C-alpha atoms as a PDB file:
ATOM      1  CA  MET A   1     -15.902  -7.098  19.180  1.00  0.00           C
ATOM      2  CA  ILE A   2     -12.330  -8.377  18.518  1.00  0.00           C
ATOM      3  CA  PRO A   3      -9.637  -7.786  21.164  1.00  0.00           C
ATOM      4  CA  GLN A   4      -6.790  -5.577  19.936  1.00  0.00           C
ATOM      5  CA  ARG A   5      -4.199  -8.240  20.750  1.00  0.00           C
ATOM      6  CA  ILE A   6      -5.780 -10.914  18.541  1.00  0.00           C
ATOM      7  CA  ALA A   7      -6.476  -8.468  15.713  1.00  0.00           C
ATOM      8  CA  ASN A   8      -2.888  -7.204  15.719  1.00  0.00           C
ATOM      9  CA  LEU A   9      -1.423 -10.713  15.770  1.00  0.00           C
ATOM     10  CA  ILE A  10      -3.602 -11.698  12.799  1.00  0.00           C
ATOM     11  CA  PHE A  11      -2.659  -8.469  11.025  1.00  0.00           C
ATOM     12  CA  ALA A  12       1.036  -9.118  11.740  1.00  0.00           C
ATOM     13  CA  VAL A  13       0.839 -12.522  10.078  1.00  0.00           C
ATOM     14  CA  ILE A  14      -0.918 -10.994   7.063  1.00  0.00           C
ATOM     15  CA  MET A  15       1.683  -8.220   6.851  1.00  0.00           C
ATOM     16  CA  LEU A  16       4.557 -10.721   7.007  1.00  0.00           C
ATOM     17  CA  ILE A  17       2.985 -12.729   4.172  1.00  0.00           C
ATOM     18  CA  VAL A  18       2.489  -9.570   2.095  1.00  0.00           C
ATOM     19  CA  ALA A  19       6.050  -8.373   2.841  1.00  0.00           C
ATOM     20  CA  GLY A  20       7.391 -11.789   1.825  1.00  0.00           C
ATOM     21  CA  TYR A  21       5.426 -11.673  -1.433  1.00  0.00           C
ATOM     22  CA  MET A  22       6.638  -8.156  -2.180  1.00  0.00           C
ATOM     23  CA  ALA A  23      10.220  -9.163  -1.384  1.00  0.00           C
ATOM     24  CA  TRP A  24       9.853 -12.040  -3.831  1.00  0.00           C
ATOM     25  CA  LEU A  25       8.617  -9.552  -6.447  1.00  0.00           C
ATOM     26  CA  ALA A  26      11.449  -7.114  -5.679  1.00  0.00           C
ATOM     27  CA  TRP A  27      14.045  -9.881  -5.915  1.00  0.00           C
ATOM     28  CA  SER A  28      13.087 -10.353  -9.566  1.00  0.00           C
ATOM     29  CA  PHE A  29      13.639  -6.685 -10.498  1.00  0.00           C
ATOM     30  CA  THR A  30      15.922  -6.596 -13.522  1.00  0.00           C
ATOM     31  CA  THR A  31      16.150  -2.890 -14.204  1.00  0.00           C
ATOM     32  CA  PRO A  32      19.560  -1.262 -13.857  1.00  0.00           C
ATOM     33  CA  ALA A  33      20.394   1.099 -11.027  1.00  0.00           C
ATOM     34  CA  LEU A  34      18.910   4.590 -11.385  1.00  0.00           C
ATOM     35  CA  GLY A  35      21.171   7.399 -12.547  1.00  0.00           C
ATOM     36  CA  GLY A  36      24.739   6.991 -11.334  1.00  0.00           C
ATOM     37  CA  ALA A  37      23.765   4.728  -8.436  1.00  0.00           C
ATOM     38  CA  THR A  38      25.825   1.610  -7.905  1.00  0.00           C
ATOM     39  CA  LEU A  39      23.170  -0.289  -5.974  1.00  0.00           C
ATOM     40  CA  PRO A  40      20.717  -2.457  -7.894  1.00  0.00           C
ATOM     41  CA  THR A  41      17.105  -1.288  -8.067  1.00  0.00           C
ATOM     42  CA  LYS A  42      15.950  -4.133  -5.823  1.00  0.00           C
ATOM     43  CA  PHE A  43      18.141  -2.950  -2.937  1.00  0.00           C
ATOM     44  CA  PHE A  44      15.837  -0.206  -1.613  1.00  0.00           C
ATOM     45  CA  PRO A  45      12.587  -2.207  -1.577  1.00  0.00           C
ATOM     46  CA  LEU A  46      14.318  -5.195   0.021  1.00  0.00           C
ATOM     47  CA  VAL A  47      15.852  -3.048   2.757  1.00  0.00           C
ATOM     48  CA  LEU A  48      12.520  -1.301   3.373  1.00  0.00           C
ATOM     49  CA  LEU A  49      10.678  -4.627   3.539  1.00  0.00           C
ATOM     50  CA  GLY A  50      13.343  -5.930   5.924  1.00  0.00           C
ATOM     51  CA  PHE A  51      12.745  -2.987   8.276  1.00  0.00           C
ATOM     52  CA  ILE A  52       8.995  -3.601   8.060  1.00  0.00           C
ATOM     53  CA  ALA A  53       9.494  -7.287   8.944  1.00  0.00           C
ATOM     54  CA  VAL A  54      11.748  -6.416  11.901  1.00  0.00           C
ATOM     55  CA  SER A  55       9.206  -3.852  13.159  1.00  0.00           C
ATOM     56  CA  ILE A  56       6.422  -6.406  12.898  1.00  0.00           C
ATOM     57  CA  GLY A  57       8.594  -8.876  14.792  1.00  0.00           C
ATOM     58  CA  ILE A  58       9.041  -6.398  17.642  1.00  0.00           C
ATOM     59  CA  TYR A  59       5.277  -5.863  17.965  1.00  0.00           C
ATOM     60  CA  VAL A  60       4.562  -9.603  17.789  1.00  0.00           C
ATOM     61  CA  PHE A  61       7.135 -10.175  20.547  1.00  0.00           C
ATOM     62  CA  GLU A  62       5.467  -7.508  22.725  1.00  0.00           C
ATOM     63  CA  TYR A  63       1.990  -8.968  22.184  1.00  0.00           C
ATOM     64  CA  LEU A  64       3.154 -12.497  22.921  1.00  0.00           C
ATOM     65  CA  THR A  65       5.198 -11.601  26.020  1.00  0.00           C
ATOM     66  CA  LYS A  66       3.286  -8.653  27.533  1.00  0.00           C
ATOM     67  CA  GLY A  67      -0.163  -9.101  26.026  1.00  0.00           C
ATOM     68  CA  HIS A  68      -0.151  -5.550  24.659  1.00  0.00           C
ATOM     69  CA  SER A  69       1.961  -2.959  22.905  1.00  0.00           C
ATOM     70  CA  GLY A  70       1.834   0.462  24.477  1.00  0.00           C
ATOM     71  CA  GLU A  71      -1.535   1.230  26.038  1.00  0.00           C
ATOM     72  CA  ASP A  72      -3.816  -0.934  23.876  1.00  0.00           C
ATOM     73  CA  GLY A  73      -4.174  -3.941  26.207  1.00  0.00           C
ATOM     74  CA  ASP A  74      -7.884  -3.481  26.979  1.00  0.00           C
ATOM     75  CA  GLU A  75      -9.000  -1.999  23.656  1.00  0.00           C
ATOM     76  CA  VAL A  76     -11.202  -3.663  21.076  1.00  0.00           C
ATOM     77  CA  VAL A  77     -11.161  -3.352  17.316  1.00  0.00           C
ATOM     78  CA  TYR A  78     -14.350  -2.056  15.727  1.00  0.00           C
ATOM     79  CA  ALA A  79     -16.439  -0.630  18.535  1.00  0.00           C
ATOM     80  CA  GLY A  80     -19.530  -1.179  16.409  1.00  0.00           C
ATOM     81  CA  PHE A  81     -20.849  -2.307  13.033  1.00  0.00           C
ATOM     82  CA  PRO A  82     -20.397   1.066  11.250  1.00  0.00           C
ATOM     83  CA  GLN A  83     -16.727   1.164  12.248  1.00  0.00           C
ATOM     84  CA  MET A  84     -16.238  -2.432  11.104  1.00  0.00           C
ATOM     85  CA  ARG A  85     -17.966  -1.718   7.778  1.00  0.00           C
ATOM     86  CA  ARG A  86     -15.688   1.280   7.178  1.00  0.00           C
ATOM     87  CA  GLY A  87     -12.548  -0.720   7.963  1.00  0.00           C
ATOM     88  CA  LEU A  88     -13.537  -3.662   5.771  1.00  0.00           C
ATOM     89  CA  LEU A  89     -14.597  -1.349   2.931  1.00  0.00           C
ATOM     90  CA  THR A  90     -11.190   0.343   3.111  1.00  0.00           C
ATOM     91  CA  LEU A  91      -9.472  -3.031   2.896  1.00  0.00           C
ATOM     92  CA  ALA A  92     -11.637  -4.051  -0.072  1.00  0.00           C
ATOM     93  CA  VAL A  93     -10.852  -0.793  -1.899  1.00  0.00           C
ATOM     94  CA  VAL A  94      -7.097  -1.212  -1.359  1.00  0.00           C
ATOM     95  CA  LEU A  95      -7.219  -4.809  -2.628  1.00  0.00           C
ATOM     96  CA  ALA A  96      -9.306  -3.822  -5.660  1.00  0.00           C
ATOM     97  CA  ILE A  97      -6.917  -1.004  -6.596  1.00  0.00           C
ATOM     98  CA  PHE A  98      -3.931  -3.315  -6.109  1.00  0.00           C
ATOM     99  CA  TRP A  99      -5.542  -5.816  -8.475  1.00  0.00           C
ATOM    100  CA  PHE A 100      -6.220  -3.030 -10.976  1.00  0.00           C
ATOM    101  CA  TRP A 101      -2.628  -1.836 -10.728  1.00  0.00           C
ATOM    102  CA  ARG A 102      -1.250  -5.332 -11.021  1.00  0.00           C
ATOM    103  CA  ASP A 103      -3.513  -7.082 -13.587  1.00  0.00           C
ATOM    104  CA  GLY A 104      -6.680  -5.153 -14.268  1.00  0.00           C
ATOM    105  CA  GLY A 105      -4.990  -2.375 -16.219  1.00  0.00           C
ATOM    106  CA  GLU A 106      -3.940  -4.729 -18.985  1.00  0.00           C
ATOM    107  CA  MET A 107      -7.452  -6.148 -19.084  1.00  0.00           C
ATOM    108  CA  LEU A 108      -8.897  -2.631 -19.312  1.00  0.00           C
ATOM    109  CA  GLU A 109      -6.447  -1.653 -22.049  1.00  0.00           C
ATOM    110  CA  SER A 110      -7.279  -4.741 -24.108  1.00  0.00           C
ATOM    111  CA  ALA A 111     -11.033  -4.217 -23.580  1.00  0.00           C
ATOM    112  CA  LEU A 112     -10.813  -0.576 -24.693  1.00  0.00           C
ATOM    113  CA  GLY A 113      -8.452  -1.403 -27.536  1.00  0.00           C
ATOM    114  CA  PHE A 114      -5.731   1.145 -26.770  1.00  0.00           C
ATOM    115  CA  LYS A 115      -2.792   1.693 -24.448  1.00  0.00           C
ATOM    116  CA  PHE A 116      -2.658   4.421 -21.854  1.00  0.00           C
ATOM    117  CA  SER A 117       0.362   6.394 -23.005  1.00  0.00           C
ATOM    118  CA  MET A 118       0.294   9.688 -21.115  1.00  0.00           C
ATOM    119  CA  ILE A 119       0.066   8.200 -17.636  1.00  0.00           C
ATOM    120  CA  PRO A 120       0.940   4.535 -17.124  1.00  0.00           C
ATOM    121  CA  ILE A 121      -1.751   2.285 -15.719  1.00  0.00           C
ATOM    122  CA  TRP A 122      -0.140   2.354 -12.264  1.00  0.00           C
ATOM    123  CA  GLY A 123      -0.472   6.156 -12.380  1.00  0.00           C
ATOM    124  CA  ILE A 124      -4.176   5.858 -13.022  1.00  0.00           C
ATOM    125  CA  ALA A 125      -4.441   3.386 -10.148  1.00  0.00           C
ATOM    126  CA  GLY A 126      -2.517   5.844  -7.969  1.00  0.00           C
ATOM    127  CA  LEU A 127      -4.897   8.655  -8.857  1.00  0.00           C
ATOM    128  CA  VAL A 128      -7.846   6.472  -7.899  1.00  0.00           C
ATOM    129  CA  LEU A 129      -6.357   4.771  -4.822  1.00  0.00           C
ATOM    130  CA  ALA A 130      -5.895   7.724  -2.472  1.00  0.00           C
ATOM    131  CA  PRO A 131      -9.369   9.251  -3.036  1.00  0.00           C
ATOM    132  CA  ALA A 132     -11.047   5.825  -2.928  1.00  0.00           C
ATOM    133  CA  VAL A 133      -9.389   4.931   0.364  1.00  0.00           C
ATOM    134  CA  ALA A 134     -10.204   8.362   1.799  1.00  0.00           C
ATOM    135  CA  PHE A 135     -13.833   7.907   0.769  1.00  0.00           C
ATOM    136  CA  ALA A 136     -13.974   4.403   2.273  1.00  0.00           C
ATOM    137  CA  MET A 137     -12.527   5.766   5.525  1.00  0.00           C
ATOM    138  CA  GLY A 138     -15.270   8.387   5.728  1.00  0.00           C
ATOM    139  CA  ALA A 139     -13.600  11.557   4.402  1.00  0.00           C
ATOM    140  CA  ARG A 140     -16.305  13.814   2.986  1.00  0.00           C
ATOM    141  CA  VAL A 141     -14.533  17.168   2.630  1.00  0.00           C
ATOM    142  CA  TRP A 142     -14.150  17.909  -1.094  1.00  0.00           C
ATOM    143  CA  TRP A 143     -10.810  19.723  -0.902  1.00  0.00           C
ATOM    144  CA  HIS A 144      -9.190  16.715   0.806  1.00  0.00           C
ATOM    145  CA  TYR A 145      -9.636  14.849  -2.467  1.00  0.00           C
ATOM    146  CA  ILE A 146      -8.065  17.680  -4.428  1.00  0.00           C
ATOM    147  CA  VAL A 147      -5.046  17.623  -2.104  1.00  0.00           C
ATOM    148  CA  LEU A 148      -4.711  13.840  -2.468  1.00  0.00           C
ATOM    149  CA  VAL A 149      -4.835  13.957  -6.275  1.00  0.00           C
ATOM    150  CA  ALA A 150      -2.414  16.912  -6.360  1.00  0.00           C
ATOM    151  CA  CYS A 151       0.055  15.056  -4.124  1.00  0.00           C
ATOM    152  CA  THR A 152      -0.206  11.954  -6.324  1.00  0.00           C
ATOM    153  CA  LEU A 153       0.515  14.024  -9.440  1.00  0.00           C
ATOM    154  CA  LEU A 154       3.371  15.813  -7.672  1.00  0.00           C
ATOM    155  CA  ILE A 155       4.983  12.515  -6.661  1.00  0.00           C
ATOM    156  CA  TYR A 156       4.583  11.173 -10.196  1.00  0.00           C
ATOM    157  CA  ALA A 157       6.139  14.327 -11.670  1.00  0.00           C
ATOM    158  CA  ALA A 158       9.008  14.211  -9.176  1.00  0.00           C
ATOM    159  CA  PHE A 159       9.883  10.640 -10.112  1.00  0.00           C
ATOM    160  CA  ALA A 160       9.130  10.798 -13.842  1.00  0.00           C
ATOM    161  CA  TYR A 161      10.575  14.208 -14.626  1.00  0.00           C
ATOM    162  CA  GLY A 162      12.639  15.312 -11.633  1.00  0.00           C
ATOM    163  CA  LEU A 163      14.499  12.044 -11.102  1.00  0.00           C
ATOM    164  CA  GLY A 164      14.178  10.875 -14.682  1.00  0.00           C
ATOM    165  CA  THR A 165      12.755   7.464 -13.846  1.00  0.00           C
ATOM    166  CA  ARG A 166      10.505   5.847 -16.386  1.00  0.00           C
ATOM    167  CA  PHE A 167       8.240   3.012 -15.345  1.00  0.00           C
ATOM    168  CA  LYS A 168       6.614   0.663 -17.806  1.00  0.00           C
END
């Protein structure tokens, strides 16, 4: 269907745009440093996004100069329609959950007439995201979903109670 080289170059451009947008968001963080840290809160996401951009640059360079990265020179993306449907459904689910996390939660809260106080809206999105993506990717083993939800709750508890961070 689509050669791996073209798909990865398109994906690299998309990832650079997304990383740039997220860096722009991180640059506007105004919260103070966590705990006794002396670095501003925006430092970590900006450094992480910088590493992501450099990594993408390396792969783009390999695809433009060698025509492949590793052993994927003759491969194609989506060997058939079912594989393409699964990949595009996964992308749609991730975008929908991102929208919910970013804007839809406020709309849901105003429609229902109350605020989510126990778990912030991004926590609800997090609890939905991992199982939804796993389902879109074809996971059908029930205990995989339990593990994903448990890990999400564990990460939330570690940040909210173990590290003492509070997100609004």
